Amino acid sequence: MTTPVLEVRSLTKRYSRGLFVRKQTFSLSASFTIEGPEIIGVMGPNGAGKTTLFEMLSGSNAPTSGQILCGGRDIQTVKYRERDRMVIHYHQSYQVRSVKKAKPDFMLQPAGSDYPLVHIFDEPQFSTQDGYIGFMLSFFKKLRAGGRVVMLCVHPYEPFHIDIMRDHCERFLFVAGGQVAELPTYGRLLEHTGVRDYLGALADC
């Protein structure tokens, strides 16, 4: 039996505040499995828990409960400095510059090397004027062909953002209200009431 690339088991994260009486301010729950290389689209409104989810997947934020297995290894049991060899989170502020300088041959070493199995791109700065769209999409495909999982988080506000998600993502995660919904196809994504409310007019593009 093949070990899944990424397995999220009954994951929860709770935030609370209060000195004497603790009051819960936010909670996130997720369970899903990624069996093999895929490009997965992630979307959801601001404050829904996407960043919290990505931080837990990359091991920079410990869950309240649950488990994250990458290649069969619990990321919380791996030394902190080694976690980005399993899951790497490209933050919005630097990812385009760093990926532009990357060497694809190095990034596409065979699975089992020290290079990460899961690459999380957190709202990359797609723009029709920055010249990176073709490069980035090609890079995502090369990562997938090299046995990697790509998680592409987009906050769509233009029709071409929807085109990218529809044409390049194989399945989807929708994060809203602290819950993570798995949608296996773009069609199923658009059938989700929360997604249509979130996208508004873009849902009909």
N, C-alpha and C. Protein backbone atom coordinates (compact mmCIF):
# COMPACT_ATOMS: atom_id res chain seq x y z
N MET A 1 0.85 -1.20 0.00
CA MET A 1 0.00 0.00 0.00
C MET A 1 0.88 1.25 0.00
N THR A 2 0.61 2.17 -0.93
CA THR A 2 1.42 3.37 -1.07
C THR A 2 1.12 4.36 0.05
N THR A 3 2.17 4.96 0.59
CA THR A 3 2.00 5.97 1.64
C THR A 3 1.54 7.28 1.02
N PRO A 4 0.48 7.90 1.52
CA PRO A 4 0.03 9.19 0.98
C PRO A 4 1.12 10.26 1.10
N VAL A 5 1.13 11.18 0.16
CA VAL A 5 2.07 12.30 0.25
C VAL A 5 1.76 13.15 1.47
N LEU A 6 0.47 13.43 1.68
CA LEU A 6 0.06 14.26 2.82
C LEU A 6 -1.23 13.71 3.40
N GLU A 7 -1.24 13.55 4.71
CA GLU A 7 -2.43 13.06 5.40
C GLU A 7 -2.71 13.95 6.61
N VAL A 8 -3.88 14.55 6.61
CA VAL A 8 -4.30 15.44 7.70
C VAL A 8 -5.39 14.71 8.48
N ARG A 9 -5.08 14.36 9.72
CA ARG A 9 -5.98 13.54 10.54
C ARG A 9 -6.60 14.34 11.67
N SER A 10 -7.90 14.57 11.58
CA SER A 10 -8.67 15.21 12.66
C SER A 10 -7.94 16.42 13.24
N LEU A 11 -7.48 17.28 12.37
CA LEU A 11 -6.68 18.43 12.78
C LEU A 11 -7.57 19.54 13.34
N THR A 12 -7.19 20.09 14.47
CA THR A 12 -7.90 21.25 15.02
C THR A 12 -6.91 22.27 15.54
N LYS A 13 -7.31 23.52 15.47
CA LYS A 13 -6.56 24.61 16.08
C LYS A 13 -7.57 25.55 16.71
N ARG A 14 -7.36 25.84 18.00
CA ARG A 14 -8.26 26.74 18.71
C ARG A 14 -7.46 27.90 19.29
N TYR A 15 -7.99 29.08 19.13
CA TYR A 15 -7.42 30.27 19.75
C TYR A 15 -8.41 30.80 20.78
N SER A 16 -7.90 31.25 21.90
CA SER A 16 -8.76 31.82 22.93
C SER A 16 -8.03 32.96 23.62
N ARG A 17 -8.78 33.75 24.36
CA ARG A 17 -8.18 34.87 25.09
C ARG A 17 -8.94 35.06 26.40
N GLY A 18 -8.34 35.81 27.27
CA GLY A 18 -8.93 36.06 28.58
C GLY A 18 -8.00 35.60 29.67
N LEU A 19 -7.80 36.43 30.67
CA LEU A 19 -6.85 36.12 31.74
C LEU A 19 -7.42 35.09 32.71
N PHE A 20 -8.64 35.30 33.16
CA PHE A 20 -9.23 34.40 34.16
C PHE A 20 -10.26 33.45 33.54
N VAL A 21 -11.03 33.97 32.59
CA VAL A 21 -12.00 33.13 31.89
C VAL A 21 -11.61 33.12 30.41
N ARG A 22 -11.18 31.96 29.95
CA ARG A 22 -10.74 31.84 28.57
C ARG A 22 -11.95 31.74 27.63
N LYS A 23 -11.97 32.59 26.63
CA LYS A 23 -13.05 32.59 25.66
C LYS A 23 -12.48 32.25 24.29
N GLN A 24 -13.06 31.25 23.65
CA GLN A 24 -12.58 30.85 22.34
C GLN A 24 -12.90 31.92 21.31
N THR A 25 -11.89 32.32 20.54
CA THR A 25 -12.07 33.36 19.53
C THR A 25 -12.06 32.82 18.11
N PHE A 26 -11.44 31.66 17.91
CA PHE A 26 -11.39 31.07 16.57
C PHE A 26 -11.04 29.60 16.68
N SER A 27 -11.61 28.80 15.78
CA SER A 27 -11.23 27.39 15.71
C SER A 27 -11.22 26.95 14.25
N LEU A 28 -10.34 26.01 13.96
CA LEU A 28 -10.22 25.47 12.61
C LEU A 28 -10.18 23.95 12.70
N SER A 29 -10.91 23.28 11.82
CA SER A 29 -10.92 21.82 11.77
C SER A 29 -10.67 21.36 10.34
N ALA A 30 -9.89 20.29 10.19
CA ALA A 30 -9.60 19.78 8.84
C ALA A 30 -9.23 18.31 8.90
N SER A 31 -9.68 17.56 7.90
CA SER A 31 -9.27 16.17 7.68
C SER A 31 -9.29 15.93 6.18
N PHE A 32 -8.16 15.56 5.61
CA PHE A 32 -8.12 15.21 4.19
C PHE A 32 -6.83 14.45 3.91
N THR A 33 -6.82 13.76 2.78
CA THR A 33 -5.67 12.97 2.37
C THR A 33 -5.32 13.28 0.92
N ILE A 34 -4.05 13.46 0.65
CA ILE A 34 -3.55 13.64 -0.71
C ILE A 34 -2.67 12.43 -1.02
N GLU A 35 -3.17 11.56 -1.86
CA GLU A 35 -2.50 10.29 -2.09
C GLU A 35 -1.21 10.43 -2.90
N GLY A 36 -1.25 11.28 -3.93
CA GLY A 36 -0.09 11.41 -4.81
C GLY A 36 0.04 12.82 -5.34
N PRO A 37 0.94 13.03 -6.30
CA PRO A 37 1.17 14.38 -6.82
C PRO A 37 -0.10 14.97 -7.44
N GLU A 38 -0.39 16.21 -7.08
CA GLU A 38 -1.56 16.92 -7.58
C GLU A 38 -1.31 18.41 -7.49
N ILE A 39 -2.09 19.17 -8.24
CA ILE A 39 -2.18 20.61 -8.05
C ILE A 39 -3.55 20.87 -7.44
N ILE A 40 -3.56 21.38 -6.23
CA ILE A 40 -4.80 21.56 -5.48
C ILE A 40 -5.07 23.05 -5.28
N GLY A 41 -6.23 23.49 -5.70
CA GLY A 41 -6.63 24.87 -5.50
C GLY A 41 -7.23 25.08 -4.12
N VAL A 42 -6.83 26.17 -3.49
CA VAL A 42 -7.35 26.51 -2.15
C VAL A 42 -7.91 27.92 -2.21
N MET A 43 -9.10 28.09 -1.70
CA MET A 43 -9.67 29.44 -1.63
C MET A 43 -10.57 29.57 -0.42
N GLY A 44 -10.90 30.81 -0.11
CA GLY A 44 -11.76 31.09 1.03
C GLY A 44 -11.62 32.54 1.42
N PRO A 45 -12.60 33.09 2.10
CA PRO A 45 -12.56 34.51 2.48
C PRO A 45 -11.44 34.81 3.46
N ASN A 46 -11.10 36.08 3.56
CA ASN A 46 -10.10 36.52 4.53
C ASN A 46 -10.57 36.17 5.94
N GLY A 47 -9.64 35.71 6.76
CA GLY A 47 -9.97 35.36 8.14
C GLY A 47 -10.61 33.99 8.30
N ALA A 48 -10.68 33.21 7.20
CA ALA A 48 -11.34 31.91 7.26
C ALA A 48 -10.48 30.84 7.91
N GLY A 49 -9.16 31.03 7.91
CA GLY A 49 -8.26 30.04 8.49
C GLY A 49 -7.26 29.46 7.53
N LYS A 50 -7.15 30.01 6.32
CA LYS A 50 -6.22 29.46 5.32
C LYS A 50 -4.78 29.54 5.80
N THR A 51 -4.38 30.71 6.29
CA THR A 51 -2.99 30.86 6.75
C THR A 51 -2.71 29.96 7.94
N THR A 52 -3.66 29.86 8.85
CA THR A 52 -3.50 28.95 9.99
C THR A 52 -3.31 27.52 9.51
N LEU A 53 -4.10 27.10 8.53
CA LEU A 53 -3.96 25.76 7.97
C LEU A 53 -2.57 25.57 7.37
N PHE A 54 -2.11 26.52 6.57
CA PHE A 54 -0.80 26.40 5.93
C PHE A 54 0.32 26.36 6.96
N GLU A 55 0.19 27.17 7.99
CA GLU A 55 1.22 27.17 9.05
C GLU A 55 1.28 25.82 9.76
N MET A 56 0.14 25.20 9.97
CA MET A 56 0.15 23.88 10.60
C MET A 56 0.73 22.83 9.66
N LEU A 57 0.36 22.90 8.38
CA LEU A 57 0.88 21.92 7.43
C LEU A 57 2.39 22.00 7.32
N SER A 58 2.94 23.20 7.41
CA SER A 58 4.39 23.38 7.28
C SER A 58 5.13 23.22 8.60
N GLY A 59 4.39 23.02 9.69
CA GLY A 59 5.01 22.76 10.98
C GLY A 59 5.41 23.99 11.77
N SER A 60 5.02 25.18 11.30
CA SER A 60 5.39 26.39 12.02
C SER A 60 4.37 26.78 13.09
N ASN A 61 3.22 26.11 13.11
CA ASN A 61 2.17 26.38 14.07
C ASN A 61 1.63 25.03 14.55
N ALA A 62 1.80 24.74 15.81
CA ALA A 62 1.39 23.43 16.34
C ALA A 62 -0.12 23.34 16.46
N PRO A 63 -0.72 22.24 16.04
CA PRO A 63 -2.17 22.08 16.18
C PRO A 63 -2.57 21.87 17.63
N THR A 64 -3.81 22.20 17.94
CA THR A 64 -4.36 21.89 19.26
C THR A 64 -4.52 20.38 19.42
N SER A 65 -4.95 19.73 18.34
CA SER A 65 -5.06 18.27 18.33
C SER A 65 -4.99 17.80 16.89
N GLY A 66 -4.83 16.50 16.72
CA GLY A 66 -4.74 15.94 15.39
C GLY A 66 -3.31 15.72 14.95
N GLN A 67 -3.16 15.31 13.71
CA GLN A 67 -1.87 14.88 13.21
C GLN A 67 -1.72 15.23 11.73
N ILE A 68 -0.50 15.61 11.34
CA ILE A 68 -0.17 15.87 9.94
C ILE A 68 0.98 14.96 9.56
N LEU A 69 0.74 14.08 8.59
CA LEU A 69 1.76 13.15 8.13
C LEU A 69 2.17 13.53 6.71
N CYS A 70 3.45 13.72 6.49
CA CYS A 70 3.99 14.01 5.16
C CYS A 70 4.91 12.86 4.79
N GLY A 71 4.53 12.11 3.77
CA GLY A 71 5.30 10.93 3.43
C GLY A 71 5.36 9.92 4.55
N GLY A 72 4.31 9.91 5.38
CA GLY A 72 4.23 8.97 6.49
C GLY A 72 4.88 9.45 7.78
N ARG A 73 5.49 10.63 7.77
CA ARG A 73 6.17 11.15 8.96
C ARG A 73 5.35 12.27 9.59
N ASP A 74 5.20 12.23 10.89
CA ASP A 74 4.49 13.27 11.63
C ASP A 74 5.37 14.52 11.66
N ILE A 75 4.91 15.59 11.04
CA ILE A 75 5.75 16.78 10.89
C ILE A 75 6.11 17.40 12.23
N GLN A 76 5.26 17.20 13.25
CA GLN A 76 5.55 17.78 14.56
C GLN A 76 6.66 17.02 15.30
N THR A 77 7.00 15.83 14.84
CA THR A 77 8.08 15.07 15.47
C THR A 77 9.41 15.29 14.77
N VAL A 78 9.40 16.00 13.66
CA VAL A 78 10.62 16.29 12.90
C VAL A 78 11.27 17.55 13.46
N LYS A 79 12.58 17.59 13.50
CA LYS A 79 13.28 18.78 13.98
C LYS A 79 12.82 20.01 13.20
N TYR A 80 12.65 21.11 13.91
CA TYR A 80 12.06 22.31 13.31
C TYR A 80 12.80 22.74 12.05
N ARG A 81 14.13 22.73 12.10
CA ARG A 81 14.92 23.22 10.96
C ARG A 81 14.83 22.29 9.75
N GLU A 82 14.30 21.08 9.95
CA GLU A 82 14.19 20.12 8.85
C GLU A 82 12.79 20.07 8.24
N ARG A 83 11.85 20.79 8.83
CA ARG A 83 10.46 20.66 8.38
C ARG A 83 10.24 21.21 6.98
N ASP A 84 11.00 22.27 6.61
CA ASP A 84 10.80 22.81 5.28
C ASP A 84 11.40 21.93 4.19
N ARG A 85 12.01 20.82 4.58
CA ARG A 85 12.41 19.81 3.60
C ARG A 85 11.24 18.89 3.27
N MET A 86 10.19 18.98 4.07
CA MET A 86 8.99 18.16 3.84
C MET A 86 7.87 19.00 3.22
N VAL A 87 7.57 20.12 3.85
CA VAL A 87 6.52 21.03 3.38
C VAL A 87 7.08 22.44 3.42
N ILE A 88 6.99 23.16 2.31
CA ILE A 88 7.48 24.53 2.27
C ILE A 88 6.33 25.48 1.94
N HIS A 89 6.25 26.56 2.69
CA HIS A 89 5.18 27.55 2.57
C HIS A 89 5.78 28.82 1.98
N TYR A 90 5.44 29.11 0.72
CA TYR A 90 5.91 30.32 0.06
C TYR A 90 4.95 31.45 0.40
N HIS A 91 5.38 32.37 1.23
CA HIS A 91 4.52 33.47 1.64
C HIS A 91 4.39 34.48 0.51
N GLN A 92 3.29 35.19 0.51
CA GLN A 92 2.97 36.14 -0.54
C GLN A 92 4.07 37.18 -0.73
N SER A 93 4.71 37.60 0.33
CA SER A 93 5.63 38.73 0.27
C SER A 93 6.91 38.46 -0.49
N TYR A 94 7.33 37.16 -0.58
CA TYR A 94 8.62 36.92 -1.22
C TYR A 94 8.60 35.84 -2.28
N GLN A 95 7.50 35.12 -2.43
CA GLN A 95 7.58 33.90 -3.22
C GLN A 95 7.89 34.15 -4.70
N VAL A 96 7.33 35.18 -5.32
CA VAL A 96 7.55 35.37 -6.74
C VAL A 96 9.02 35.65 -7.02
N ARG A 97 9.65 36.49 -6.20
CA ARG A 97 11.07 36.79 -6.39
C ARG A 97 11.91 35.54 -6.21
N SER A 98 11.62 34.76 -5.16
CA SER A 98 12.45 33.59 -4.88
C SER A 98 12.25 32.50 -5.92
N VAL A 99 11.01 32.29 -6.36
CA VAL A 99 10.75 31.25 -7.35
C VAL A 99 11.34 31.65 -8.70
N LYS A 100 11.31 32.93 -9.01
CA LYS A 100 11.87 33.40 -10.28
C LYS A 100 13.34 33.04 -10.37
N LYS A 101 14.05 33.05 -9.24
CA LYS A 101 15.47 32.77 -9.21
C LYS A 101 15.78 31.29 -9.05
N ALA A 102 14.75 30.49 -8.84
CA ALA A 102 14.98 29.08 -8.52
C ALA A 102 15.51 28.32 -9.74
N LYS A 103 16.14 27.21 -9.46
CA LYS A 103 16.65 26.34 -10.51
C LYS A 103 15.74 25.11 -10.58
N PRO A 104 14.92 25.00 -11.62
CA PRO A 104 13.97 23.90 -11.68
C PRO A 104 14.62 22.53 -11.57
N ASP A 105 15.81 22.32 -12.16
CA ASP A 105 16.45 21.01 -12.09
C ASP A 105 16.70 20.60 -10.65
N PHE A 106 17.08 21.56 -9.81
CA PHE A 106 17.31 21.27 -8.40
C PHE A 106 15.99 20.96 -7.71
N MET A 107 14.96 21.74 -8.04
CA MET A 107 13.69 21.55 -7.38
C MET A 107 13.01 20.25 -7.77
N LEU A 108 13.38 19.70 -8.90
CA LEU A 108 12.73 18.49 -9.37
C LEU A 108 13.59 17.25 -9.17
N GLN A 109 14.37 17.24 -8.12
CA GLN A 109 15.07 16.01 -7.76
C GLN A 109 14.03 14.94 -7.45
N PRO A 110 14.37 13.67 -7.64
CA PRO A 110 13.39 12.61 -7.41
C PRO A 110 12.84 12.62 -6.00
N ALA A 111 11.57 12.22 -5.86
CA ALA A 111 10.99 12.09 -4.53
C ALA A 111 11.86 11.17 -3.70
N GLY A 112 12.08 11.53 -2.47
CA GLY A 112 13.00 10.78 -1.62
C GLY A 112 14.26 11.58 -1.37
N SER A 113 14.49 12.64 -2.16
CA SER A 113 15.60 13.54 -1.90
C SER A 113 15.21 14.47 -0.77
N ASP A 114 16.07 15.42 -0.46
CA ASP A 114 15.80 16.35 0.63
C ASP A 114 14.82 17.45 0.21
N TYR A 115 14.47 17.53 -1.08
CA TYR A 115 13.61 18.64 -1.48
C TYR A 115 12.16 18.36 -1.08
N PRO A 116 11.39 19.40 -0.72
CA PRO A 116 10.05 19.21 -0.17
C PRO A 116 9.10 18.42 -1.07
N LEU A 117 8.24 17.65 -0.43
CA LEU A 117 7.19 16.93 -1.14
C LEU A 117 5.98 17.81 -1.40
N VAL A 118 5.74 18.79 -0.52
CA VAL A 118 4.56 19.65 -0.62
C VAL A 118 5.00 21.10 -0.70
N HIS A 119 4.48 21.80 -1.71
CA HIS A 119 4.79 23.22 -1.93
C HIS A 119 3.50 24.02 -1.83
N ILE A 120 3.44 24.94 -0.88
CA ILE A 120 2.24 25.76 -0.66
C ILE A 120 2.52 27.17 -1.15
N PHE A 121 1.78 27.60 -2.16
CA PHE A 121 1.91 28.94 -2.71
C PHE A 121 0.73 29.77 -2.21
N ASP A 122 1.01 30.69 -1.31
CA ASP A 122 -0.01 31.44 -0.58
C ASP A 122 -0.29 32.77 -1.27
N GLU A 123 -1.35 32.78 -2.09
CA GLU A 123 -1.80 33.97 -2.83
C GLU A 123 -0.66 34.61 -3.62
N PRO A 124 -0.10 33.88 -4.60
CA PRO A 124 0.94 34.48 -5.45
C PRO A 124 0.41 35.68 -6.20
N GLN A 125 1.30 36.61 -6.49
CA GLN A 125 0.89 37.87 -7.10
C GLN A 125 0.72 37.72 -8.61
N PHE A 126 -0.32 36.99 -9.01
CA PHE A 126 -0.62 36.87 -10.43
C PHE A 126 -1.09 38.22 -10.97
N SER A 127 -0.48 38.65 -12.05
CA SER A 127 -0.88 39.89 -12.71
C SER A 127 -0.59 39.75 -14.19
N THR A 128 -1.47 40.29 -15.01
CA THR A 128 -1.27 40.20 -16.45
C THR A 128 -0.10 41.05 -16.90
N GLN A 129 0.44 41.90 -16.02
CA GLN A 129 1.53 42.79 -16.40
C GLN A 129 2.87 42.41 -15.80
N ASP A 130 2.91 41.44 -14.90
CA ASP A 130 4.19 41.18 -14.25
C ASP A 130 5.04 40.14 -14.97
N GLY A 131 4.47 39.46 -15.97
CA GLY A 131 5.26 38.55 -16.78
C GLY A 131 5.53 37.20 -16.16
N TYR A 132 4.97 36.92 -14.97
CA TYR A 132 5.29 35.69 -14.26
C TYR A 132 4.25 34.58 -14.43
N ILE A 133 3.09 34.89 -14.97
CA ILE A 133 2.02 33.89 -14.97
C ILE A 133 2.45 32.60 -15.67
N GLY A 134 2.95 32.73 -16.90
CA GLY A 134 3.36 31.54 -17.63
C GLY A 134 4.47 30.79 -16.92
N PHE A 135 5.43 31.54 -16.38
CA PHE A 135 6.54 30.91 -15.65
C PHE A 135 6.02 30.14 -14.45
N MET A 136 5.15 30.77 -13.67
CA MET A 136 4.65 30.14 -12.46
C MET A 136 3.84 28.89 -12.77
N LEU A 137 2.95 28.98 -13.76
CA LEU A 137 2.11 27.83 -14.08
C LEU A 137 2.95 26.67 -14.60
N SER A 138 3.96 26.98 -15.41
CA SER A 138 4.86 25.94 -15.89
C SER A 138 5.62 25.31 -14.73
N PHE A 139 6.01 26.15 -13.79
CA PHE A 139 6.75 25.67 -12.62
C PHE A 139 5.89 24.73 -11.78
N PHE A 140 4.61 25.07 -11.59
CA PHE A 140 3.70 24.21 -10.84
C PHE A 140 3.60 22.83 -11.52
N LYS A 141 3.47 22.83 -12.84
CA LYS A 141 3.34 21.57 -13.57
C LYS A 141 4.61 20.73 -13.45
N LYS A 142 5.77 21.39 -13.47
CA LYS A 142 7.03 20.66 -13.33
C LYS A 142 7.16 20.04 -11.94
N LEU A 143 6.72 20.79 -10.94
CA LEU A 143 6.74 20.23 -9.59
C LEU A 143 5.85 18.99 -9.51
N ARG A 144 4.67 19.08 -10.08
CA ARG A 144 3.76 17.93 -10.06
C ARG A 144 4.37 16.74 -10.80
N ALA A 145 4.97 17.01 -11.97
CA ALA A 145 5.59 15.94 -12.74
C ALA A 145 6.75 15.30 -11.98
N GLY A 146 7.35 16.06 -11.08
CA GLY A 146 8.44 15.54 -10.26
C GLY A 146 7.97 14.84 -9.01
N GLY A 147 6.66 14.57 -8.91
CA GLY A 147 6.14 13.82 -7.77
C GLY A 147 5.74 14.67 -6.59
N ARG A 148 5.63 15.98 -6.80
CA ARG A 148 5.29 16.89 -5.69
C ARG A 148 3.80 17.23 -5.68
N VAL A 149 3.36 17.70 -4.53
CA VAL A 149 2.03 18.27 -4.37
C VAL A 149 2.17 19.79 -4.37
N VAL A 150 1.36 20.45 -5.16
CA VAL A 150 1.30 21.91 -5.18
C VAL A 150 -0.05 22.33 -4.63
N MET A 151 -0.03 23.17 -3.61
CA MET A 151 -1.26 23.76 -3.08
C MET A 151 -1.24 25.24 -3.46
N LEU A 152 -2.17 25.63 -4.31
CA LEU A 152 -2.22 26.98 -4.85
C LEU A 152 -3.40 27.72 -4.25
N CYS A 153 -3.09 28.69 -3.40
CA CYS A 153 -4.13 29.50 -2.76
C CYS A 153 -4.30 30.79 -3.53
N VAL A 154 -5.51 31.03 -4.01
CA VAL A 154 -5.81 32.23 -4.79
C VAL A 154 -7.00 32.94 -4.17
N HIS A 155 -6.89 34.26 -4.06
CA HIS A 155 -8.02 35.09 -3.63
C HIS A 155 -8.53 35.80 -4.88
N PRO A 156 -9.47 35.20 -5.60
CA PRO A 156 -9.82 35.69 -6.94
C PRO A 156 -10.58 37.01 -6.91
N TYR A 157 -10.12 37.93 -7.75
CA TYR A 157 -10.85 39.18 -7.94
C TYR A 157 -10.90 39.58 -9.42
N GLU A 158 -10.33 38.73 -10.29
CA GLU A 158 -10.39 38.94 -11.73
C GLU A 158 -10.79 37.63 -12.39
N PRO A 159 -11.47 37.68 -13.55
CA PRO A 159 -11.86 36.44 -14.23
C PRO A 159 -10.68 35.51 -14.52
N PHE A 160 -9.48 36.07 -14.82
CA PHE A 160 -8.37 35.18 -15.15
C PHE A 160 -7.89 34.39 -13.95
N HIS A 161 -8.17 34.86 -12.74
CA HIS A 161 -7.86 34.06 -11.56
C HIS A 161 -8.71 32.78 -11.55
N ILE A 162 -9.97 32.92 -11.93
CA ILE A 162 -10.86 31.77 -12.02
C ILE A 162 -10.38 30.82 -13.11
N ASP A 163 -9.94 31.38 -14.24
CA ASP A 163 -9.42 30.55 -15.33
C ASP A 163 -8.24 29.71 -14.86
N ILE A 164 -7.34 30.31 -14.08
CA ILE A 164 -6.17 29.59 -13.57
C ILE A 164 -6.61 28.42 -12.70
N MET A 165 -7.53 28.68 -11.79
CA MET A 165 -8.00 27.63 -10.89
C MET A 165 -8.70 26.51 -11.66
N ARG A 166 -9.55 26.89 -12.60
CA ARG A 166 -10.33 25.89 -13.36
C ARG A 166 -9.42 25.05 -14.26
N ASP A 167 -8.46 25.69 -14.92
CA ASP A 167 -7.67 25.01 -15.94
C ASP A 167 -6.47 24.24 -15.39
N HIS A 168 -6.03 24.58 -14.19
CA HIS A 168 -4.77 24.00 -13.71
C HIS A 168 -4.90 23.20 -12.41
N CYS A 169 -5.99 23.36 -11.68
CA CYS A 169 -6.13 22.64 -10.41
C CYS A 169 -6.99 21.39 -10.61
N GLU A 170 -6.57 20.30 -9.97
CA GLU A 170 -7.25 19.02 -10.15
C GLU A 170 -8.36 18.80 -9.13
N ARG A 171 -8.22 19.35 -7.97
CA ARG A 171 -9.30 19.37 -6.99
C ARG A 171 -9.09 20.55 -6.06
N PHE A 172 -10.00 20.72 -5.10
CA PHE A 172 -10.05 21.99 -4.38
C PHE A 172 -10.33 21.80 -2.89
N LEU A 173 -9.83 22.77 -2.13
CA LEU A 173 -10.18 22.92 -0.72
C LEU A 173 -10.79 24.30 -0.55
N PHE A 174 -11.95 24.35 0.08
CA PHE A 174 -12.58 25.64 0.38
C PHE A 174 -12.61 25.81 1.89
N VAL A 175 -12.00 26.90 2.35
CA VAL A 175 -11.88 27.16 3.78
C VAL A 175 -12.80 28.31 4.14
N ALA A 176 -13.72 28.06 5.06
CA ALA A 176 -14.65 29.10 5.49
C ALA A 176 -15.18 28.76 6.87
N GLY A 177 -15.25 29.76 7.72
CA GLY A 177 -15.81 29.56 9.05
C GLY A 177 -15.07 28.52 9.87
N GLY A 178 -13.78 28.36 9.61
CA GLY A 178 -12.99 27.40 10.38
C GLY A 178 -13.18 25.95 9.95
N GLN A 179 -13.84 25.73 8.80
CA GLN A 179 -14.05 24.39 8.28
C GLN A 179 -13.40 24.27 6.90
N VAL A 180 -12.88 23.09 6.60
CA VAL A 180 -12.23 22.85 5.31
C VAL A 180 -13.06 21.82 4.54
N ALA A 181 -13.61 22.25 3.40
CA ALA A 181 -14.42 21.36 2.56
C ALA A 181 -13.58 20.89 1.38
N GLU A 182 -13.64 19.58 1.10
CA GLU A 182 -12.97 19.01 -0.07
C GLU A 182 -13.94 18.96 -1.24
N LEU A 183 -13.54 19.50 -2.38
CA LEU A 183 -14.36 19.46 -3.58
C LEU A 183 -13.55 18.80 -4.68
N PRO A 184 -14.01 17.66 -5.23
CA PRO A 184 -13.17 16.86 -6.12
C PRO A 184 -13.02 17.40 -7.53
N THR A 185 -13.91 18.30 -7.96
CA THR A 185 -13.83 18.86 -9.31
C THR A 185 -14.21 20.34 -9.26
N TYR A 186 -13.90 21.03 -10.37
CA TYR A 186 -14.28 22.44 -10.44
C TYR A 186 -15.81 22.58 -10.44
N GLY A 187 -16.49 21.65 -11.11
CA GLY A 187 -17.95 21.68 -11.11
C GLY A 187 -18.53 21.57 -9.72
N ARG A 188 -17.98 20.66 -8.93
CA ARG A 188 -18.46 20.50 -7.55
C ARG A 188 -18.12 21.74 -6.72
N LEU A 189 -17.00 22.36 -7.02
CA LEU A 189 -16.63 23.59 -6.32
C LEU A 189 -17.72 24.65 -6.50
N LEU A 190 -18.16 24.82 -7.75
CA LEU A 190 -19.16 25.85 -8.03
C LEU A 190 -20.54 25.50 -7.50
N GLU A 191 -20.78 24.23 -7.20
CA GLU A 191 -22.06 23.83 -6.62
C GLU A 191 -22.14 24.15 -5.13
N HIS A 192 -21.01 24.41 -4.51
CA HIS A 192 -20.97 24.68 -3.07
C HIS A 192 -21.52 26.09 -2.82
N THR A 193 -22.55 26.18 -2.01
CA THR A 193 -23.21 27.47 -1.76
C THR A 193 -22.24 28.50 -1.21
N GLY A 194 -21.39 28.09 -0.30
CA GLY A 194 -20.43 29.03 0.28
C GLY A 194 -19.46 29.56 -0.75
N VAL A 195 -19.07 28.73 -1.70
CA VAL A 195 -18.15 29.16 -2.76
C VAL A 195 -18.83 30.19 -3.65
N ARG A 196 -20.07 29.93 -4.03
CA ARG A 196 -20.78 30.88 -4.90
C ARG A 196 -20.99 32.21 -4.19
N ASP A 197 -21.29 32.17 -2.92
CA ASP A 197 -21.44 33.42 -2.17
C ASP A 197 -20.11 34.17 -2.11
N TYR A 198 -19.04 33.43 -1.93
CA TYR A 198 -17.70 34.03 -1.84
C TYR A 198 -17.26 34.64 -3.17
N LEU A 199 -17.51 33.93 -4.28
CA LEU A 199 -17.06 34.41 -5.58
C LEU A 199 -17.96 35.48 -6.17
N GLY A 200 -19.23 35.48 -5.80
CA GLY A 200 -20.14 36.46 -6.37
C GLY A 200 -20.27 36.29 -7.87
N ALA A 201 -20.15 37.40 -8.61
CA ALA A 201 -20.30 37.36 -10.07
C ALA A 201 -19.23 36.52 -10.74
N LEU A 202 -18.08 36.35 -10.10
CA LEU A 202 -17.00 35.56 -10.70
C LEU A 202 -17.38 34.09 -10.84
N ALA A 203 -18.36 33.63 -10.07
CA ALA A 203 -18.79 32.24 -10.16
C ALA A 203 -19.39 31.92 -11.52
N ASP A 204 -19.85 32.93 -12.24
CA ASP A 204 -20.47 32.72 -13.54
C ASP A 204 -19.55 33.04 -14.70
N CYS A 205 -18.26 33.26 -14.40
CA CYS A 205 -17.32 33.56 -15.48
C CYS A 205 -17.00 32.32 -16.30
